[in-house]
N, C-alpha and C. Protein backbone atom coordinates (compact mmCIF):
# COMPACT_ATOMS: atom_id res chain seq x y z
N UNK A 1 0.85 -1.19 0.00
CA UNK A 1 0.00 0.00 0.00
C UNK A 1 0.89 1.24 0.00
N UNK A 2 0.44 2.28 -0.70
CA UNK A 2 1.23 3.51 -0.70
C UNK A 2 1.17 4.20 0.68
N UNK A 3 2.13 5.06 0.91
CA UNK A 3 2.24 5.73 2.20
C UNK A 3 1.05 6.63 2.49
N UNK A 4 0.46 7.23 1.49
CA UNK A 4 -0.65 8.17 1.71
C UNK A 4 -1.91 7.45 2.17
N UNK A 5 -2.06 6.16 1.83
CA UNK A 5 -3.21 5.40 2.31
C UNK A 5 -3.10 5.20 3.81
N UNK A 6 -1.87 4.87 4.24
CA UNK A 6 -1.66 4.71 5.69
C UNK A 6 -1.89 6.04 6.41
N UNK A 7 -1.48 7.13 5.82
CA UNK A 7 -1.70 8.44 6.42
C UNK A 7 -3.19 8.74 6.55
N UNK A 8 -3.96 8.43 5.53
CA UNK A 8 -5.41 8.66 5.57
C UNK A 8 -6.05 7.79 6.66
N UNK A 9 -5.62 6.53 6.74
CA UNK A 9 -6.16 5.63 7.76
C UNK A 9 -5.83 6.11 9.17
N UNK A 10 -4.60 6.54 9.39
CA UNK A 10 -4.20 7.03 10.71
C UNK A 10 -4.96 8.31 11.05
N UNK A 11 -5.10 9.22 10.11
CA UNK A 11 -5.85 10.45 10.37
C UNK A 11 -7.33 10.15 10.66
N UNK A 12 -7.90 9.22 9.92
CA UNK A 12 -9.29 8.82 10.17
C UNK A 12 -9.43 8.22 11.57
N UNK A 13 -8.47 7.37 11.95
CA UNK A 13 -8.51 6.77 13.28
C UNK A 13 -8.41 7.86 14.37
N UNK A 14 -7.52 8.81 14.20
CA UNK A 14 -7.37 9.87 15.20
C UNK A 14 -8.63 10.73 15.28
N UNK A 15 -9.24 11.02 14.14
CA UNK A 15 -10.48 11.80 14.14
C UNK A 15 -11.58 11.04 14.86
N UNK A 16 -11.67 9.74 14.62
CA UNK A 16 -12.70 8.93 15.29
C UNK A 16 -12.46 8.85 16.79
N UNK A 17 -11.22 8.72 17.20
CA UNK A 17 -10.91 8.67 18.64
C UNK A 17 -11.27 9.98 19.32
N UNK A 18 -10.89 11.09 18.71
CA UNK A 18 -11.19 12.41 19.28
C UNK A 18 -12.69 12.65 19.31
N UNK A 19 -13.40 12.31 18.23
CA UNK A 19 -14.85 12.52 18.23
C UNK A 19 -15.53 11.62 19.27
N UNK A 20 -15.03 10.41 19.48
CA UNK A 20 -15.58 9.53 20.52
C UNK A 20 -15.37 10.10 21.91
N UNK A 21 -14.21 10.66 22.14
CA UNK A 21 -13.93 11.28 23.45
C UNK A 21 -14.84 12.49 23.67
N UNK A 22 -15.00 13.31 22.64
CA UNK A 22 -15.89 14.49 22.76
C UNK A 22 -17.32 14.04 23.01
N UNK A 23 -17.76 13.01 22.30
CA UNK A 23 -19.12 12.49 22.48
C UNK A 23 -19.31 11.98 23.91
N UNK A 24 -18.37 11.21 24.41
CA UNK A 24 -18.47 10.67 25.77
C UNK A 24 -18.45 11.79 26.80
N UNK A 25 -17.63 12.80 26.60
CA UNK A 25 -17.57 13.92 27.55
C UNK A 25 -18.87 14.70 27.57
N UNK A 26 -19.45 14.96 26.40
CA UNK A 26 -20.71 15.71 26.36
C UNK A 26 -21.83 14.93 27.04
N UNK A 27 -21.93 13.65 26.76
CA UNK A 27 -22.99 12.86 27.39
C UNK A 27 -22.74 12.70 28.89
N UNK A 28 -21.49 12.60 29.29
CA UNK A 28 -21.17 12.55 30.71
C UNK A 28 -21.55 13.84 31.42
N UNK A 29 -21.30 14.96 30.77
CA UNK A 29 -21.66 16.26 31.35
C UNK A 29 -23.17 16.39 31.51
N UNK A 30 -23.92 15.98 30.49
CA UNK A 30 -25.39 16.04 30.58
C UNK A 30 -25.92 15.09 31.65
N UNK A 31 -25.32 13.93 31.75
CA UNK A 31 -25.73 12.99 32.80
C UNK A 31 -25.42 13.56 34.18
N UNK A 32 -24.28 14.23 34.32
CA UNK A 32 -23.93 14.85 35.59
C UNK A 32 -24.93 15.93 35.97
N UNK A 33 -25.34 16.75 34.99
CA UNK A 33 -26.34 17.78 35.28
C UNK A 33 -27.66 17.17 35.70
N UNK A 34 -28.08 16.09 35.03
CA UNK A 34 -29.33 15.43 35.40
C UNK A 34 -29.24 14.84 36.81
N UNK A 35 -28.13 14.25 37.15
CA UNK A 35 -27.96 13.67 38.48
C UNK A 35 -27.92 14.78 39.55
N UNK A 36 -27.35 15.93 39.20
CA UNK A 36 -27.34 17.04 40.15
C UNK A 36 -28.76 17.53 40.42
N UNK A 37 -29.58 17.61 39.36
CA UNK A 37 -30.98 18.01 39.54
C UNK A 37 -31.71 16.99 40.42
N UNK A 38 -31.47 15.72 40.15
CA UNK A 38 -32.10 14.67 40.93
C UNK A 38 -31.68 14.74 42.39
N UNK A 39 -30.40 14.97 42.64
CA UNK A 39 -29.92 15.09 44.01
C UNK A 39 -30.51 16.29 44.72
N UNK A 40 -30.63 17.40 44.01
CA UNK A 40 -31.23 18.60 44.59
C UNK A 40 -32.69 18.36 44.96
N UNK A 41 -33.41 17.70 44.05
CA UNK A 41 -34.82 17.40 44.29
C UNK A 41 -34.96 16.46 45.49
N UNK A 42 -34.11 15.45 45.56
CA UNK A 42 -34.16 14.50 46.68
C UNK A 42 -33.81 15.20 47.99
N UNK A 43 -32.85 16.10 47.96
CA UNK A 43 -32.46 16.83 49.17
C UNK A 43 -33.61 17.70 49.68
N UNK A 44 -34.32 18.34 48.77
CA UNK A 44 -35.47 19.16 49.18
C UNK A 44 -36.53 18.31 49.85
N UNK A 45 -36.79 17.13 49.27
CA UNK A 45 -37.82 16.26 49.84
C UNK A 45 -37.38 15.68 51.17
N UNK A 46 -36.12 15.35 51.29
CA UNK A 46 -35.62 14.82 52.56
C UNK A 46 -35.68 15.90 53.64
N UNK A 47 -35.33 17.13 53.27
CA UNK A 47 -35.42 18.23 54.23
C UNK A 47 -36.87 18.48 54.64
N UNK A 48 -37.79 18.31 53.71
CA UNK A 48 -39.20 18.54 54.03
C UNK A 48 -39.73 17.49 55.00
N UNK A 49 -39.14 16.29 55.01
CA UNK A 49 -39.63 15.26 55.94
C UNK A 49 -39.27 15.60 57.37
N UNK A 50 -38.26 16.42 57.58
CA UNK A 50 -37.86 16.78 58.94
C UNK A 50 -38.69 17.91 59.55
N UNK A 51 -39.44 18.59 58.73
CA UNK A 51 -40.25 19.71 59.23
C UNK A 51 -41.53 19.18 59.85
N UNK A 52 -41.97 19.79 60.94
CA UNK A 52 -43.22 19.32 61.56
C UNK A 52 -44.43 19.69 60.70
N UNK A 53 -45.43 18.85 60.76
CA UNK A 53 -46.67 19.12 60.03
C UNK A 53 -47.46 20.23 60.72
N UNK A 54 -48.17 21.04 59.96
CA UNK A 54 -48.98 22.08 60.59
C UNK A 54 -50.11 21.45 61.41
N UNK A 55 -50.33 22.02 62.57
CA UNK A 55 -51.36 21.49 63.47
C UNK A 55 -52.72 22.05 63.05
N UNK A 56 -53.68 21.15 62.90
CA UNK A 56 -55.01 21.58 62.51
C UNK A 56 -55.88 21.75 63.75
N UNK A 57 -56.48 22.91 63.86
CA UNK A 57 -57.35 23.20 64.99
C UNK A 57 -58.81 23.09 64.55
N UNK A 58 -59.21 21.88 64.24
CA UNK A 58 -60.58 21.66 63.83
C UNK A 58 -61.42 21.24 65.03
N UNK A 59 -62.68 21.29 64.83
CA UNK A 59 -63.61 20.86 65.86
C UNK A 59 -63.51 19.34 65.98
N UNK A 60 -63.23 18.85 67.20
CA UNK A 60 -63.05 17.42 67.41
C UNK A 60 -64.32 16.71 67.88
N UNK A 61 -65.41 17.39 67.87
CA UNK A 61 -66.65 16.74 68.29
C UNK A 61 -67.08 15.74 67.22
N UNK A 62 -67.85 14.72 67.58
CA UNK A 62 -68.27 13.72 66.60
C UNK A 62 -69.03 14.38 65.45
N UNK A 63 -68.86 13.79 64.28
CA UNK A 63 -69.42 14.39 63.08
C UNK A 63 -70.94 14.37 63.07
N UNK A 64 -71.54 13.34 63.64
CA UNK A 64 -73.00 13.26 63.59
C UNK A 64 -73.67 14.29 64.49
N UNK A 65 -72.90 14.95 65.38
CA UNK A 65 -73.49 15.97 66.23
C UNK A 65 -73.35 17.37 65.63
N UNK A 66 -72.61 17.50 64.55
CA UNK A 66 -72.42 18.81 63.93
C UNK A 66 -73.50 19.05 62.87
N UNK A 67 -73.64 20.30 62.44
CA UNK A 67 -74.60 20.59 61.38
C UNK A 67 -74.18 19.90 60.07
N UNK A 68 -75.16 19.65 59.23
CA UNK A 68 -74.91 18.96 57.96
C UNK A 68 -74.01 19.79 57.05
N UNK A 69 -74.04 21.09 57.22
CA UNK A 69 -73.20 21.98 56.40
C UNK A 69 -71.71 21.68 56.62
N UNK A 70 -71.32 21.32 57.85
CA UNK A 70 -69.92 21.00 58.12
C UNK A 70 -69.48 19.78 57.30
N UNK A 71 -70.33 18.77 57.28
CA UNK A 71 -70.00 17.57 56.51
C UNK A 71 -69.93 17.89 55.02
N UNK A 72 -70.83 18.72 54.53
CA UNK A 72 -70.83 19.08 53.12
C UNK A 72 -69.57 19.86 52.75
N UNK A 73 -69.17 20.80 53.61
CA UNK A 73 -67.95 21.57 53.36
C UNK A 73 -66.72 20.67 53.38
N UNK A 74 -66.70 19.77 54.34
CA UNK A 74 -65.56 18.86 54.45
C UNK A 74 -65.48 17.95 53.22
N UNK A 75 -66.62 17.46 52.76
CA UNK A 75 -66.64 16.63 51.57
C UNK A 75 -66.19 17.42 50.34
N UNK A 76 -66.66 18.65 50.23
CA UNK A 76 -66.28 19.51 49.09
C UNK A 76 -64.78 19.76 49.09
N UNK A 77 -64.22 20.07 50.26
CA UNK A 77 -62.78 20.32 50.36
C UNK A 77 -61.99 19.06 50.02
N UNK A 78 -62.44 17.92 50.53
CA UNK A 78 -61.73 16.67 50.25
C UNK A 78 -61.79 16.34 48.77
N UNK A 79 -62.95 16.56 48.15
CA UNK A 79 -63.07 16.27 46.72
C UNK A 79 -62.21 17.22 45.89
N UNK A 80 -62.13 18.46 46.31
CA UNK A 80 -61.26 19.42 45.61
C UNK A 80 -59.80 18.99 45.71
N UNK A 81 -59.38 18.48 46.86
CA UNK A 81 -58.01 18.00 47.01
C UNK A 81 -57.76 16.79 46.12
N UNK A 82 -58.74 15.91 46.02
CA UNK A 82 -58.61 14.74 45.15
C UNK A 82 -58.42 15.19 43.70
N UNK A 83 -59.21 16.15 43.27
CA UNK A 83 -59.10 16.65 41.90
C UNK A 83 -57.74 17.31 41.68
N UNK A 84 -57.25 18.06 42.66
CA UNK A 84 -55.94 18.70 42.54
C UNK A 84 -54.83 17.65 42.44
N UNK A 85 -54.92 16.59 43.24
CA UNK A 85 -53.91 15.53 43.18
C UNK A 85 -53.94 14.83 41.83
N UNK A 86 -55.12 14.56 41.31
CA UNK A 86 -55.22 13.90 39.99
C UNK A 86 -54.65 14.80 38.90
N UNK A 87 -54.95 16.09 38.98
CA UNK A 87 -54.43 17.03 37.98
C UNK A 87 -52.91 17.14 38.07
N UNK A 88 -52.39 17.17 39.30
CA UNK A 88 -50.94 17.22 39.47
C UNK A 88 -50.31 15.95 38.92
N UNK A 89 -50.96 14.82 39.14
CA UNK A 89 -50.45 13.55 38.62
C UNK A 89 -50.45 13.56 37.09
N UNK A 90 -51.52 14.07 36.49
CA UNK A 90 -51.58 14.17 35.03
C UNK A 90 -50.48 15.09 34.50
N UNK A 91 -50.26 16.21 35.19
CA UNK A 91 -49.22 17.15 34.76
C UNK A 91 -47.83 16.51 34.84
N UNK A 92 -47.56 15.81 35.95
CA UNK A 92 -46.27 15.14 36.08
C UNK A 92 -46.11 14.08 35.00
N UNK A 93 -47.17 13.36 34.72
CA UNK A 93 -47.14 12.33 33.69
C UNK A 93 -46.85 12.94 32.32
N UNK A 94 -47.53 14.04 32.01
CA UNK A 94 -47.33 14.70 30.72
C UNK A 94 -45.91 15.26 30.60
N UNK A 95 -45.39 15.83 31.69
CA UNK A 95 -44.04 16.37 31.67
C UNK A 95 -43.01 15.25 31.45
N UNK A 96 -43.22 14.13 32.10
CA UNK A 96 -42.29 13.02 31.96
C UNK A 96 -42.30 12.47 30.54
N UNK A 97 -43.50 12.33 29.96
CA UNK A 97 -43.58 11.85 28.59
C UNK A 97 -42.97 12.85 27.62
N UNK A 98 -43.15 14.14 27.90
CA UNK A 98 -42.54 15.15 27.03
C UNK A 98 -41.02 15.07 27.11
N UNK A 99 -40.51 14.82 28.31
CA UNK A 99 -39.06 14.68 28.47
C UNK A 99 -38.57 13.44 27.74
N UNK A 100 -39.29 12.33 27.84
CA UNK A 100 -38.88 11.10 27.16
C UNK A 100 -39.00 11.24 25.64
N UNK A 101 -39.98 12.00 25.20
CA UNK A 101 -40.19 12.17 23.77
C UNK A 101 -38.99 12.86 23.12
N UNK A 102 -38.35 13.77 23.87
CA UNK A 102 -37.23 14.53 23.33
C UNK A 102 -35.90 14.09 23.94
N UNK A 103 -35.85 12.87 24.46
CA UNK A 103 -34.65 12.38 25.15
C UNK A 103 -33.47 12.25 24.21
N UNK A 104 -33.69 11.75 23.01
CA UNK A 104 -32.59 11.49 22.09
C UNK A 104 -32.35 12.63 21.11
N UNK A 105 -32.97 13.77 21.32
CA UNK A 105 -32.76 14.90 20.40
C UNK A 105 -31.42 15.55 20.64
């Protein structure tokens, strides 16, 4: 083989090695950023577990002795919380799918 063929092969090999290193470094950097976000999120949640829950000063008398309006308000509030949780779940689900949809872009 002529010398210039070997030169082309060596240059091609060096270009491929350098591009592989650049590719690995970029993906490693992005993975590090994602892990940092995950760690930050986990730290916030762990810190939140150490905080005391707010004390509720509700009427502790039996429910059947209270006016019917109290039960209706309590049911309405509980149902509103259920709807909020479902909506938050849908939003988280949509965000996750959007992130997965563009994962390889």
